[in-house]
C-alpha atoms as a PDB file:
ATOM      1  CA  MET A   1       0.000   0.000   0.000  1.00  0.00           C
ATOM      2  CA  ALA A   2       1.334   3.424  -0.970  1.00  0.00           C
ATOM      3  CA  ARG A   3       2.207   5.998   1.689  1.00  0.00           C
ATOM      4  CA  PRO A   4      -0.248   8.925   1.907  1.00  0.00           C
ATOM      5  CA  GLU A   5       2.392  11.328   0.556  1.00  0.00           C
ATOM      6  CA  GLN A   6       3.002   9.014  -2.417  1.00  0.00           C
ATOM      7  CA  ARG A   7      -0.726   9.016  -3.229  1.00  0.00           C
ATOM      8  CA  THR A   8      -0.821  12.829  -2.959  1.00  0.00           C
ATOM      9  CA  PHE A   9       2.252  13.089  -5.196  1.00  0.00           C
ATOM     10  CA  ASP A  10       0.717  10.676  -7.736  1.00  0.00           C
ATOM     11  CA  ASP A  11      -2.517  12.697  -7.843  1.00  0.00           C
ATOM     12  CA  ILE A  12      -0.545  15.903  -8.477  1.00  0.00           C
ATOM     13  CA  VAL A  13       1.527  14.216 -11.190  1.00  0.00           C
ATOM     14  CA  ASP A  14      -1.646  12.950 -12.886  1.00  0.00           C
ATOM     15  CA  ALA A  15      -3.174  16.452 -12.870  1.00  0.00           C
ATOM     16  CA  ILE A  16      -0.009  18.248 -14.023  1.00  0.00           C
ATOM     17  CA  THR A  17       0.707  15.813 -16.863  1.00  0.00           C
ATOM     18  CA  ALA A  18      -2.935  15.851 -18.000  1.00  0.00           C
ATOM     19  CA  TRP A  19      -2.964  19.655 -18.286  1.00  0.00           C
ATOM     20  CA  ASN A  20       0.600  20.192 -19.515  1.00  0.00           C
ATOM     21  CA  PRO A  21       1.542  18.228 -22.644  1.00  0.00           C
ATOM     22  CA  ASP A  22       5.240  19.118 -22.219  1.00  0.00           C
ATOM     23  CA  CYS A  23       5.314  17.448 -18.751  1.00  0.00           C
ATOM     24  CA  ARG A  24       5.823  13.762 -18.066  1.00  0.00           C
ATOM     25  CA  ALA A  25       6.349  11.507 -15.068  1.00  0.00           C
ATOM     26  CA  SER A  26       9.907  10.229 -14.769  1.00  0.00           C
ATOM     27  CA  LYS A  27      12.636   9.322 -12.294  1.00  0.00           C
ATOM     28  CA  VAL A  28      15.972  10.915 -11.523  1.00  0.00           C
ATOM     29  CA  PHE A  29      18.475   9.022  -9.347  1.00  0.00           C
ATOM     30  CA  GLY A  30      15.592   6.777  -8.268  1.00  0.00           C
ATOM     31  CA  MET A  31      13.411   9.713  -7.166  1.00  0.00           C
ATOM     32  CA  PRO A  32       9.984   9.933  -8.804  1.00  0.00           C
ATOM     33  CA  CYS A  33       9.677  13.298 -10.511  1.00  0.00           C
ATOM     34  CA  VAL A  34       8.055  15.360 -13.226  1.00  0.00           C
ATOM     35  CA  LYS A  35      10.051  16.715 -16.117  1.00  0.00           C
ATOM     36  CA  ARG A  36       8.964  19.624 -18.267  1.00  0.00           C
ATOM     37  CA  SER A  37      10.610  19.645 -21.672  1.00  0.00           C
ATOM     38  CA  GLY A  38      13.206  17.194 -20.355  1.00  0.00           C
ATOM     39  CA  ARG A  39      14.107  19.163 -17.187  1.00  0.00           C
ATOM     40  CA  VAL A  40      13.159  18.060 -13.666  1.00  0.00           C
ATOM     41  CA  VAL A  41      10.783  20.570 -12.064  1.00  0.00           C
ATOM     42  CA  PHE A  42       9.600  18.681  -8.982  1.00  0.00           C
ATOM     43  CA  GLY A  43       9.893  15.299  -7.306  1.00  0.00           C
ATOM     44  CA  LEU A  44       9.219  13.265  -4.190  1.00  0.00           C
ATOM     45  CA  SER A  45      12.197  12.766  -1.881  1.00  0.00           C
ATOM     46  CA  ARG A  46      12.380  10.857   1.401  1.00  0.00           C
ATOM     47  CA  THR A  47      11.776  14.092   3.327  1.00  0.00           C
ATOM     48  CA  GLY A  48       8.980  15.665   1.272  1.00  0.00           C
ATOM     49  CA  MET A  49       8.163  17.100  -2.098  1.00  0.00           C
ATOM     50  CA  VAL A  50      10.991  18.952  -3.825  1.00  0.00           C
ATOM     51  CA  PHE A  51      10.408  21.917  -6.138  1.00  0.00           C
ATOM     52  CA  LYS A  52      12.767  23.784  -8.447  1.00  0.00           C
ATOM     53  CA  LEU A  53      11.697  27.397  -7.999  1.00  0.00           C
ATOM     54  CA  THR A  54      13.672  29.835 -10.133  1.00  0.00           C
ATOM     55  CA  ASP A  55      11.457  32.819  -9.288  1.00  0.00           C
ATOM     56  CA  PRO A  56      12.858  34.509  -6.133  1.00  0.00           C
ATOM     57  CA  ASP A  57       9.396  35.377  -4.765  1.00  0.00           C
ATOM     58  CA  ALA A  58       8.087  31.819  -5.175  1.00  0.00           C
ATOM     59  CA  HIS A  59      11.306  30.470  -3.674  1.00  0.00           C
ATOM     60  CA  ALA A  60      10.945  32.750  -0.631  1.00  0.00           C
ATOM     61  CA  ARG A  61       7.274  31.755  -0.196  1.00  0.00           C
ATOM     62  CA  ALA A  62       8.224  28.074  -0.295  1.00  0.00           C
ATOM     63  CA  LEU A  63      10.992  28.514   2.276  1.00  0.00           C
ATOM     64  CA  ALA A  64       8.492  30.338   4.532  1.00  0.00           C
ATOM     65  CA  VAL A  65       6.341  27.184   4.780  1.00  0.00           C
ATOM     66  CA  PRO A  66       6.882  25.642   8.242  1.00  0.00           C
ATOM     67  CA  GLY A  67       9.427  22.809   8.001  1.00  0.00           C
ATOM     68  CA  ALA A  68      10.580  23.744   4.476  1.00  0.00           C
ATOM     69  CA  HIS A  69      14.293  23.709   3.702  1.00  0.00           C
ATOM     70  CA  LEU A  70      16.752  23.720   0.816  1.00  0.00           C
ATOM     71  CA  PHE A  71      17.201  20.349  -0.878  1.00  0.00           C
ATOM     72  CA  ASP A  72      20.509  18.709   0.021  1.00  0.00           C
ATOM     73  CA  PRO A  73      20.402  15.303  -1.671  1.00  0.00           C
ATOM     74  CA  SER A  74      23.917  14.357  -0.560  1.00  0.00           C
ATOM     75  CA  GLY A  75      23.318  15.293   3.081  1.00  0.00           C
ATOM     76  CA  GLN A  76      26.772  16.901   3.032  1.00  0.00           C
ATOM     77  CA  GLY A  77      25.732  20.529   3.532  1.00  0.00           C
ATOM     78  CA  GLU A  78      25.711  21.281  -0.208  1.00  0.00           C
ATOM     79  CA  PRO A  79      22.093  22.227  -0.958  1.00  0.00           C
ATOM     80  CA  PHE A  80      20.810  22.996  -4.415  1.00  0.00           C
ATOM     81  CA  ARG A  81      20.081  26.718  -4.226  1.00  0.00           C
ATOM     82  CA  GLN A  82      16.879  26.748  -6.309  1.00  0.00           C
ATOM     83  CA  TRP A  83      15.362  23.586  -4.837  1.00  0.00           C
ATOM     84  CA  VAL A  84      13.034  23.657  -1.820  1.00  0.00           C
ATOM     85  CA  VAL A  85      11.659  20.671   0.120  1.00  0.00           C
ATOM     86  CA  ILE A  86       8.202  21.032   1.643  1.00  0.00           C
ATOM     87  CA  PRO A  87       7.540  18.279   4.218  1.00  0.00           C
ATOM     88  CA  PRO A  88       4.622  15.809   4.063  1.00  0.00           C
ATOM     89  CA  GLU A  89       2.946  17.541   7.007  1.00  0.00           C
ATOM     90  CA  ARG A  90       2.413  20.493   4.642  1.00  0.00           C
ATOM     91  CA  GLY A  91       1.134  18.399   1.729  1.00  0.00           C
ATOM     92  CA  ASP A  92      -1.679  20.907   1.254  1.00  0.00           C
ATOM     93  CA  GLU A  93       1.011  23.260  -0.112  1.00  0.00           C
ATOM     94  CA  TRP A  94       2.342  20.787  -2.677  1.00  0.00           C
ATOM     95  CA  GLU A  95      -0.067  21.276  -5.561  1.00  0.00           C
ATOM     96  CA  PRO A  96       0.251  25.080  -5.764  1.00  0.00           C
ATOM     97  CA  PHE A  97       4.046  24.864  -5.683  1.00  0.00           C
ATOM     98  CA  ALA A  98       4.030  22.070  -8.287  1.00  0.00           C
ATOM     99  CA  ALA A  99       2.039  24.321 -10.615  1.00  0.00           C
ATOM    100  CA  GLU A 100       4.410  27.199  -9.817  1.00  0.00           C
ATOM    101  CA  ALA A 101       7.469  25.026 -10.569  1.00  0.00           C
ATOM    102  CA  VAL A 102       6.019  23.894 -13.906  1.00  0.00           C
ATOM    103  CA  ALA A 103       5.223  27.473 -14.924  1.00  0.00           C
ATOM    104  CA  GLN A 104       8.716  28.829 -14.244  1.00  0.00           C
ATOM    105  CA  ILE A 105      11.633  29.094 -16.645  1.00  0.00           C
ATOM    106  CA  HIS A 106      14.098  26.242 -16.202  1.00  0.00           C
ATOM    107  CA  ALA A 107      16.921  27.188 -18.512  1.00  0.00           C
ATOM    108  CA  PRO A 108      20.330  25.721 -17.797  1.00  0.00           C
ATOM    109  CA  PRO A 109      22.569  27.895 -15.625  1.00  0.00           C
ATOM    110  CA  PRO A 110      25.073  30.102 -17.489  1.00  0.00           C
ATOM    111  CA  LYS A 111      28.390  28.433 -18.281  1.00  0.00           C
ATOM    112  CA  GLY A 112      30.673  28.361 -15.259  1.00  0.00           C
ATOM    113  CA  LYS A 113      27.780  28.661 -12.774  1.00  0.00           C
ATOM    114  CA  GLU A 114      27.200  25.722 -10.495  1.00  0.00           C
ATOM    115  CA  GLU A 115      23.793  24.409  -9.468  1.00  0.00           C
ATOM    116  CA  GLN A 116      25.015  23.903  -5.908  1.00  0.00           C
ATOM    117  CA  VAL A 117      25.943  26.385  -3.235  1.00  0.00           C
ATOM    118  CA  SER A 118      29.261  25.723  -1.545  1.00  0.00           C
ATOM    119  CA  SER A 119      29.413  25.812   2.221  1.00  0.00           C
END
């Protein structure tokens, strides 16, 4: 039986992919995710739903959600600066941020710019 957060994630994926023909369900490093035009825009990690938010206002709103934090997949203090995790306890926030992540521009970073923030 699927965890409640997995069912919520699956429902969001179904809605997003039904309404956005350039989005599809996928996996990246074993994490279920949604890609828009081949780029990961959100996924489900062990600690919550992860969103790539390139818009500074949306990013700030996501980080203001209680329990939200930057995504650090390695656990080594090297978070991805544009990625925010919103915990399962705040699953009611997931769908709006998924739509926000899909709507944002996800161009590759300029040459020489890293995706990670060094500590």
